[in-house]
PDB file of all heavy atoms in Angstrom:
ATOM      1  N   PRO A   1     147.935  18.991  98.303  1.00  0.00           N
ATOM      2  CA  PRO A   1     148.907  19.850  98.982  1.00  0.00           C
ATOM      3  C   PRO A   1     149.847  20.526  97.994  1.00  0.00           C
ATOM      4  O   PRO A   1     150.415  19.883  97.112  1.00  0.00           O
ATOM      5  CB  PRO A   1     149.656  18.874  99.892  1.00  0.00           C
ATOM      6  CG  PRO A   1     148.673  17.777 100.150  1.00  0.00           C
ATOM      7  CD  PRO A   1     147.911  17.631  98.858  1.00  0.00           C
ATOM      8  N   GLY A   2     149.997  21.835  98.135  1.00  0.00           N
ATOM      9  CA  GLY A   2     150.875  22.594  97.265  1.00  0.00           C
ATOM     10  C   GLY A   2     150.336  22.856  95.879  1.00  0.00           C
ATOM     11  O   GLY A   2     151.061  23.400  95.037  1.00  0.00           O
ATOM     12  N   LYS A   3     149.088  22.485  95.629  1.00  0.00           N
ATOM     13  CA  LYS A   3     148.496  22.660  94.314  1.00  0.00           C
ATOM     14  C   LYS A   3     147.286  23.580  94.381  1.00  0.00           C
ATOM     15  O   LYS A   3     146.685  23.779  95.440  1.00  0.00           O
ATOM     16  CB  LYS A   3     148.069  21.309  93.733  1.00  0.00           C
ATOM     17  CG  LYS A   3     149.184  20.286  93.599  1.00  0.00           C
ATOM     18  CD  LYS A   3     150.180  20.689  92.539  1.00  0.00           C
ATOM     19  CE  LYS A   3     151.221  19.603  92.337  1.00  0.00           C
ATOM     20  NZ  LYS A   3     152.213  19.981  91.297  1.00  0.00           N
ATOM     21  N   GLN A   4     146.937  24.142  93.227  1.00  0.00           N
ATOM     22  CA  GLN A   4     145.730  24.941  93.123  1.00  0.00           C
ATOM     23  C   GLN A   4     144.506  24.040  93.072  1.00  0.00           C
ATOM     24  O   GLN A   4     144.576  22.895  92.622  1.00  0.00           O
ATOM     25  CB  GLN A   4     145.786  25.819  91.876  1.00  0.00           C
ATOM     26  CG  GLN A   4     146.873  26.881  91.904  1.00  0.00           C
ATOM     27  CD  GLN A   4     146.583  27.953  92.921  1.00  0.00           C
ATOM     28  OE1 GLN A   4     145.456  28.446  93.036  1.00  0.00           O
ATOM     29  NE2 GLN A   4     147.601  28.338  93.682  1.00  0.00           N
ATOM     30  N   ARG A   5     143.395  24.569  93.538  1.00  0.00           N
ATOM     31  CA  ARG A   5     142.152  23.840  93.428  1.00  0.00           C
ATOM     32  C   ARG A   5     141.775  23.709  91.950  1.00  0.00           C
ATOM     33  O   ARG A   5     141.856  24.679  91.198  1.00  0.00           O
ATOM     34  CB  ARG A   5     141.045  24.551  94.200  1.00  0.00           C
ATOM     35  CG  ARG A   5     139.733  23.780  94.231  1.00  0.00           C
ATOM     36  CD  ARG A   5     138.694  24.463  95.108  1.00  0.00           C
ATOM     37  NE  ARG A   5     139.118  24.523  96.494  1.00  0.00           N
ATOM     38  CZ  ARG A   5     138.359  24.970  97.489  1.00  0.00           C
ATOM     39  NH1 ARG A   5     137.125  25.385  97.241  1.00  0.00           N
ATOM     40  NH2 ARG A   5     138.834  25.006  98.718  1.00  0.00           N
ATOM     41  N   GLU A   6     141.370  22.515  91.547  1.00  0.00           N
ATOM     42  CA  GLU A   6     141.032  22.273  90.162  1.00  0.00           C
ATOM     43  C   GLU A   6     139.661  21.620  90.043  1.00  0.00           C
ATOM     44  O   GLU A   6     139.248  20.845  90.905  1.00  0.00           O
ATOM     45  CB  GLU A   6     142.082  21.384  89.484  1.00  0.00           C
ATOM     46  CG  GLU A   6     142.194  19.993  90.077  1.00  0.00           C
ATOM     47  CD  GLU A   6     143.125  19.080  89.298  1.00  0.00           C
ATOM     48  OE1 GLU A   6     143.416  19.378  88.125  1.00  0.00           O
ATOM     49  OE2 GLU A   6     143.560  18.060  89.861  1.00  0.00           O
ATOM     50  N   LEU A   7     138.990  21.937  88.959  1.00  0.00           N
ATOM     51  CA  LEU A   7     137.707  21.320  88.650  1.00  0.00           C
ATOM     52  C   LEU A   7     137.954  19.960  88.028  1.00  0.00           C
ATOM     53  O   LEU A   7     138.688  19.846  87.046  1.00  0.00           O
ATOM     54  CB  LEU A   7     136.917  22.211  87.696  1.00  0.00           C
ATOM     55  CG  LEU A   7     135.583  21.667  87.187  1.00  0.00           C
ATOM     56  CD1 LEU A   7     134.588  21.524  88.329  1.00  0.00           C
ATOM     57  CD2 LEU A   7     135.025  22.581  86.102  1.00  0.00           C
ATOM     58  N   VAL A   8     137.327  18.931  88.572  1.00  0.00           N
ATOM     59  CA  VAL A   8     137.515  17.588  88.038  1.00  0.00           C
ATOM     60  C   VAL A   8     136.301  17.076  87.286  1.00  0.00           C
ATOM     61  O   VAL A   8     136.449  16.259  86.372  1.00  0.00           O
ATOM     62  CB  VAL A   8     137.926  16.588  89.139  1.00  0.00           C
ATOM     63  CG1 VAL A   8     139.252  17.000  89.756  1.00  0.00           C
ATOM     64  CG2 VAL A   8     136.854  16.466  90.219  1.00  0.00           C
ATOM     65  N   ALA A   9     135.105  17.533  87.636  1.00  0.00           N
ATOM     66  CA  ALA A   9     133.901  17.059  86.967  1.00  0.00           C
ATOM     67  C   ALA A   9     132.773  18.047  87.172  1.00  0.00           C
ATOM     68  O   ALA A   9     132.652  18.645  88.245  1.00  0.00           O
ATOM     69  CB  ALA A   9     133.483  15.678  87.474  1.00  0.00           C
ATOM     70  N   SER A  10     131.931  18.210  86.151  1.00  0.00           N
ATOM     71  CA  SER A  10     130.771  19.088  86.214  1.00  0.00           C
ATOM     72  C   SER A  10     129.561  18.372  85.656  1.00  0.00           C
ATOM     73  O   SER A  10     129.682  17.524  84.769  1.00  0.00           O
ATOM     74  CB  SER A  10     130.989  20.372  85.414  1.00  0.00           C
ATOM     75  OG  SER A  10     132.057  21.134  85.929  1.00  0.00           O
ATOM     76  N   ILE A  11     128.403  18.743  86.167  1.00  0.00           N
ATOM     77  CA  ILE A  11     127.148  18.249  85.622  1.00  0.00           C
ATOM     78  C   ILE A  11     126.179  19.417  85.530  1.00  0.00           C
ATOM     79  O   ILE A  11     126.079  20.236  86.449  1.00  0.00           O
ATOM     80  CB  ILE A  11     126.578  17.079  86.453  1.00  0.00           C
ATOM     81  CG1 ILE A  11     125.359  16.470  85.757  1.00  0.00           C
ATOM     82  CG2 ILE A  11     126.259  17.498  87.878  1.00  0.00           C
ATOM     83  CD1 ILE A  11     124.980  15.104  86.308  1.00  0.00           C
ATOM     84  N   TYR A  12     125.481  19.488  84.408  1.00  0.00           N
ATOM     85  CA  TYR A  12     124.644  20.634  84.110  1.00  0.00           C
ATOM     86  C   TYR A  12     123.167  20.288  84.274  1.00  0.00           C
ATOM     87  O   TYR A  12     122.819  19.133  84.543  1.00  0.00           O
ATOM     88  CB  TYR A  12     124.949  21.152  82.710  1.00  0.00           C
ATOM     89  CG  TYR A  12     126.401  21.545  82.566  1.00  0.00           C
ATOM     90  CD1 TYR A  12     127.335  20.667  82.016  1.00  0.00           C
ATOM     91  CD2 TYR A  12     126.849  22.779  83.019  1.00  0.00           C
ATOM     92  CE1 TYR A  12     128.673  21.018  81.914  1.00  0.00           C
ATOM     93  CE2 TYR A  12     128.182  23.135  82.925  1.00  0.00           C
ATOM     94  CZ  TYR A  12     129.089  22.256  82.370  1.00  0.00           C
ATOM     95  OH  TYR A  12     130.411  22.608  82.281  1.00  0.00           O
ATOM     96  N   ARG A  13     122.333  21.292  84.085  1.00  0.00           N
ATOM     97  CA  ARG A  13     120.902  21.107  84.323  1.00  0.00           C
ATOM     98  C   ARG A  13     120.289  20.039  83.428  1.00  0.00           C
ATOM     99  O   ARG A  13     119.351  19.355  83.844  1.00  0.00           O
ATOM    100  CB  ARG A  13     120.156  22.430  84.137  1.00  0.00           C
ATOM    101  CG  ARG A  13     120.649  23.537  85.053  1.00  0.00           C
ATOM    102  CD  ARG A  13     119.945  24.845  84.772  1.00  0.00           C
ATOM    103  NE  ARG A  13     120.631  25.969  85.399  1.00  0.00           N
ATOM    104  CZ  ARG A  13     120.231  27.222  85.355  1.00  0.00           C
ATOM    105  NH1 ARG A  13     119.121  27.536  84.703  1.00  0.00           N
ATOM    106  NH2 ARG A  13     120.928  28.170  85.956  1.00  0.00           N
ATOM    107  N   ASN A  14     120.827  19.908  82.222  1.00  0.00           N
ATOM    108  CA  ASN A  14     120.336  18.899  81.288  1.00  0.00           C
ATOM    109  C   ASN A  14     121.076  17.572  81.413  1.00  0.00           C
ATOM    110  O   ASN A  14     120.956  16.712  80.550  1.00  0.00           O
ATOM    111  CB  ASN A  14     120.426  19.413  79.853  1.00  0.00           C
ATOM    112  CG  ASN A  14     121.855  19.687  79.421  1.00  0.00           C
ATOM    113  OD1 ASN A  14     122.789  19.596  80.222  1.00  0.00           O
ATOM    114  ND2 ASN A  14     122.026  20.028  78.153  1.00  0.00           N
ATOM    115  N   TYR A  15     121.863  17.417  82.473  1.00  0.00           N
ATOM    116  CA  TYR A  15     122.625  16.225  82.799  1.00  0.00           C
ATOM    117  C   TYR A  15     123.856  16.019  81.922  1.00  0.00           C
ATOM    118  O   TYR A  15     124.517  14.981  82.024  1.00  0.00           O
ATOM    119  CB  TYR A  15     121.746  14.970  82.787  1.00  0.00           C
ATOM    120  CG  TYR A  15     120.737  14.947  83.905  1.00  0.00           C
ATOM    121  CD1 TYR A  15     119.474  15.490  83.732  1.00  0.00           C
ATOM    122  CD2 TYR A  15     121.060  14.400  85.144  1.00  0.00           C
ATOM    123  CE1 TYR A  15     118.552  15.495  84.765  1.00  0.00           C
ATOM    124  CE2 TYR A  15     120.147  14.399  86.179  1.00  0.00           C
ATOM    125  CZ  TYR A  15     118.891  14.953  85.980  1.00  0.00           C
ATOM    126  OH  TYR A  15     117.981  14.950  87.010  1.00  0.00           O
ATOM    127  N   GLN A  16     124.177  16.990  81.070  1.00  0.00           N
ATOM    128  CA  GLN A  16     125.445  16.934  80.354  1.00  0.00           C
ATOM    129  C   GLN A  16     126.589  17.010  81.350  1.00  0.00           C
ATOM    130  O   GLN A  16     126.510  17.725  82.356  1.00  0.00           O
ATOM    131  CB  GLN A  16     125.536  18.078  79.352  1.00  0.00           C
ATOM    132  CG  GLN A  16     126.799  18.057  78.504  1.00  0.00           C
ATOM    133  CD  GLN A  16     126.863  19.218  77.533  1.00  0.00           C
ATOM    134  OE1 GLN A  16     126.017  20.115  77.556  1.00  0.00           O
ATOM    135  NE2 GLN A  16     127.863  19.219  76.676  1.00  0.00           N
ATOM    136  N   THR A  17     127.653  16.281  81.073  1.00  0.00           N
ATOM    137  CA  THR A  17     128.781  16.231  81.988  1.00  0.00           C
ATOM    138  C   THR A  17     130.076  16.587  81.278  1.00  0.00           C
ATOM    139  O   THR A  17     130.210  16.401  80.069  1.00  0.00           O
ATOM    140  CB  THR A  17     128.927  14.844  82.625  1.00  0.00           C
ATOM    141  OG1 THR A  17     129.093  13.856  81.597  1.00  0.00           O
ATOM    142  CG2 THR A  17     127.696  14.497  83.448  1.00  0.00           C
ATOM    143  N   THR A  18     131.029  17.093  82.036  1.00  0.00           N
ATOM    144  CA  THR A  18     132.380  17.334  81.552  1.00  0.00           C
ATOM    145  C   THR A  18     133.361  16.848  82.605  1.00  0.00           C
ATOM    146  O   THR A  18     133.043  16.797  83.795  1.00  0.00           O
ATOM    147  CB  THR A  18     132.640  18.819  81.256  1.00  0.00           C
ATOM    148  OG1 THR A  18     132.449  19.590  82.448  1.00  0.00           O
ATOM    149  CG2 THR A  18     131.695  19.329  80.172  1.00  0.00           C
ATOM    150  N   TYR A  19     134.573  16.510  82.161  1.00  0.00           N
ATOM    151  CA  TYR A  19     135.589  15.977  83.048  1.00  0.00           C
ATOM    152  C   TYR A  19     136.950  16.543  82.704  1.00  0.00           C
ATOM    153  O   TYR A  19     137.248  16.826  81.542  1.00  0.00           O
ATOM    154  CB  TYR A  19     135.654  14.453  82.947  1.00  0.00           C
ATOM    155  CG  TYR A  19     134.381  13.761  83.349  1.00  0.00           C
ATOM    156  CD1 TYR A  19     133.394  13.476  82.409  1.00  0.00           C
ATOM    157  CD2 TYR A  19     134.159  13.404  84.673  1.00  0.00           C
ATOM    158  CE1 TYR A  19     132.219  12.851  82.780  1.00  0.00           C
ATOM    159  CE2 TYR A  19     132.982  12.778  85.053  1.00  0.00           C
ATOM    160  CZ  TYR A  19     132.017  12.507  84.104  1.00  0.00           C
ATOM    161  OH  TYR A  19     130.848  11.888  84.481  1.00  0.00           O
ATOM    162  N   ALA A  20     137.769  16.687  83.720  1.00  0.00           N
ATOM    163  CA  ALA A  20     139.165  16.993  83.477  1.00  0.00           C
ATOM    164  C   ALA A  20     139.821  15.821  82.759  1.00  0.00           C
ATOM    165  O   ALA A  20     139.457  14.661  82.972  1.00  0.00           O
ATOM    166  CB  ALA A  20     139.883  17.273  84.794  1.00  0.00           C
ATOM    167  N   ASP A  21     140.789  16.131  81.906  1.00  0.00           N
ATOM    168  CA  ASP A  21     141.455  15.075  81.155  1.00  0.00           C
ATOM    169  C   ASP A  21     142.064  14.014  82.065  1.00  0.00           C
ATOM    170  O   ASP A  21     142.093  12.829  81.721  1.00  0.00           O
ATOM    171  CB  ASP A  21     142.544  15.667  80.264  1.00  0.00           C
ATOM    172  CG  ASP A  21     141.987  16.444  79.090  1.00  0.00           C
ATOM    173  OD1 ASP A  21     140.797  16.254  78.757  1.00  0.00           O
ATOM    174  OD2 ASP A  21     142.746  17.234  78.498  1.00  0.00           O
ATOM    175  N   SER A  22     142.525  14.421  83.221  1.00  0.00           N
ATOM    176  CA  SER A  22     143.199  13.499  84.122  1.00  0.00           C
ATOM    177  C   SER A  22     142.282  12.443  84.717  1.00  0.00           C
ATOM    178  O   SER A  22     142.762  11.430  85.230  1.00  0.00           O
ATOM    179  CB  SER A  22     143.881  14.274  85.252  1.00  0.00           C
ATOM    180  OG  SER A  22     142.936  15.026  85.990  1.00  0.00           O
ATOM    181  N   VAL A  23     140.965  12.657  84.663  1.00  0.00           N
ATOM    182  CA  VAL A  23     140.031  11.713  85.275  1.00  0.00           C
ATOM    183  C   VAL A  23     139.076  11.090  84.274  1.00  0.00           C
ATOM    184  O   VAL A  23     138.275  10.226  84.661  1.00  0.00           O
ATOM    185  CB  VAL A  23     139.228  12.367  86.420  1.00  0.00           C
ATOM    186  CG1 VAL A  23     140.165  13.011  87.431  1.00  0.00           C
ATOM    187  CG2 VAL A  23     138.229  13.384  85.885  1.00  0.00           C
ATOM    188  N   LYS A  24     139.133  11.486  83.020  1.00  0.00           N
ATOM    189  CA  LYS A  24     138.226  10.930  82.016  1.00  0.00           C
ATOM    190  C   LYS A  24     138.365   9.418  81.938  1.00  0.00           C
ATOM    191  O   LYS A  24     139.462   8.885  81.920  1.00  0.00           O
ATOM    192  CB  LYS A  24     138.497  11.547  80.647  1.00  0.00           C
ATOM    193  CG  LYS A  24     137.954  12.947  80.483  1.00  0.00           C
ATOM    194  CD  LYS A  24     138.210  13.478  79.084  1.00  0.00           C
ATOM    195  CE  LYS A  24     137.618  14.862  78.899  1.00  0.00           C
ATOM    196  NZ  LYS A  24     137.900  15.414  77.551  1.00  0.00           N
ATOM    197  N   GLY A  25     137.228   8.751  81.895  1.00  0.00           N
ATOM    198  CA  GLY A  25     137.210   7.305  81.843  1.00  0.00           C
ATOM    199  C   GLY A  25     137.305   6.632  83.183  1.00  0.00           C
ATOM    200  O   GLY A  25     137.117   5.410  83.270  1.00  0.00           O
ATOM    201  N   ARG A  26     137.587   7.395  84.230  1.00  0.00           N
ATOM    202  CA  ARG A  26     137.729   6.830  85.571  1.00  0.00           C
ATOM    203  C   ARG A  26     136.692   7.363  86.553  1.00  0.00           C
ATOM    204  O   ARG A  26     136.287   6.637  87.460  1.00  0.00           O
ATOM    205  CB  ARG A  26     139.129   7.100  86.124  1.00  0.00           C
ATOM    206  CG  ARG A  26     140.259   6.531  85.274  1.00  0.00           C
ATOM    207  CD  ARG A  26     141.607   6.649  85.974  1.00  0.00           C
ATOM    208  NE  ARG A  26     141.976   8.045  86.218  1.00  0.00           N
ATOM    209  CZ  ARG A  26     142.153   8.586  87.416  1.00  0.00           C
ATOM    210  NH1 ARG A  26     141.990   7.843  88.514  1.00  0.00           N
ATOM    211  NH2 ARG A  26     142.509   9.851  87.545  1.00  0.00           N
ATOM    212  N   PHE A  27     136.286   8.614  86.393  1.00  0.00           N
ATOM    213  CA  PHE A  27     135.329   9.244  87.300  1.00  0.00           C
ATOM    214  C   PHE A  27     133.999   9.444  86.581  1.00  0.00           C
ATOM    215  O   PHE A  27     133.966   9.710  85.375  1.00  0.00           O
ATOM    216  CB  PHE A  27     135.830  10.609  87.773  1.00  0.00           C
ATOM    217  CG  PHE A  27     137.003  10.579  88.718  1.00  0.00           C
ATOM    218  CD1 PHE A  27     137.739   9.433  88.942  1.00  0.00           C
ATOM    219  CD2 PHE A  27     137.360  11.738  89.389  1.00  0.00           C
ATOM    220  CE1 PHE A  27     138.816   9.419  89.799  1.00  0.00           C
ATOM    221  CE2 PHE A  27     138.441  11.737  90.260  1.00  0.00           C
ATOM    222  CZ  PHE A  27     139.174  10.587  90.466  1.00  0.00           C
ATOM    223  N   THR A  28     132.915   9.360  87.329  1.00  0.00           N
ATOM    224  CA  THR A  28     131.585   9.624  86.804  1.00  0.00           C
ATOM    225  C   THR A  28     130.823  10.497  87.791  1.00  0.00           C
ATOM    226  O   THR A  28     130.702  10.144  88.966  1.00  0.00           O
ATOM    227  CB  THR A  28     130.801   8.330  86.563  1.00  0.00           C
ATOM    228  OG1 THR A  28     131.512   7.494  85.644  1.00  0.00           O
ATOM    229  CG2 THR A  28     129.426   8.643  85.975  1.00  0.00           C
TER     230      THR A  28
END
């Protein structure tokens, strides 16, 4: 609420992943 939509995690065709700093180590 009151915030912009943000990307938290991505997965690519080769299964490479990226994460927002706020969720690294906690989300998979």
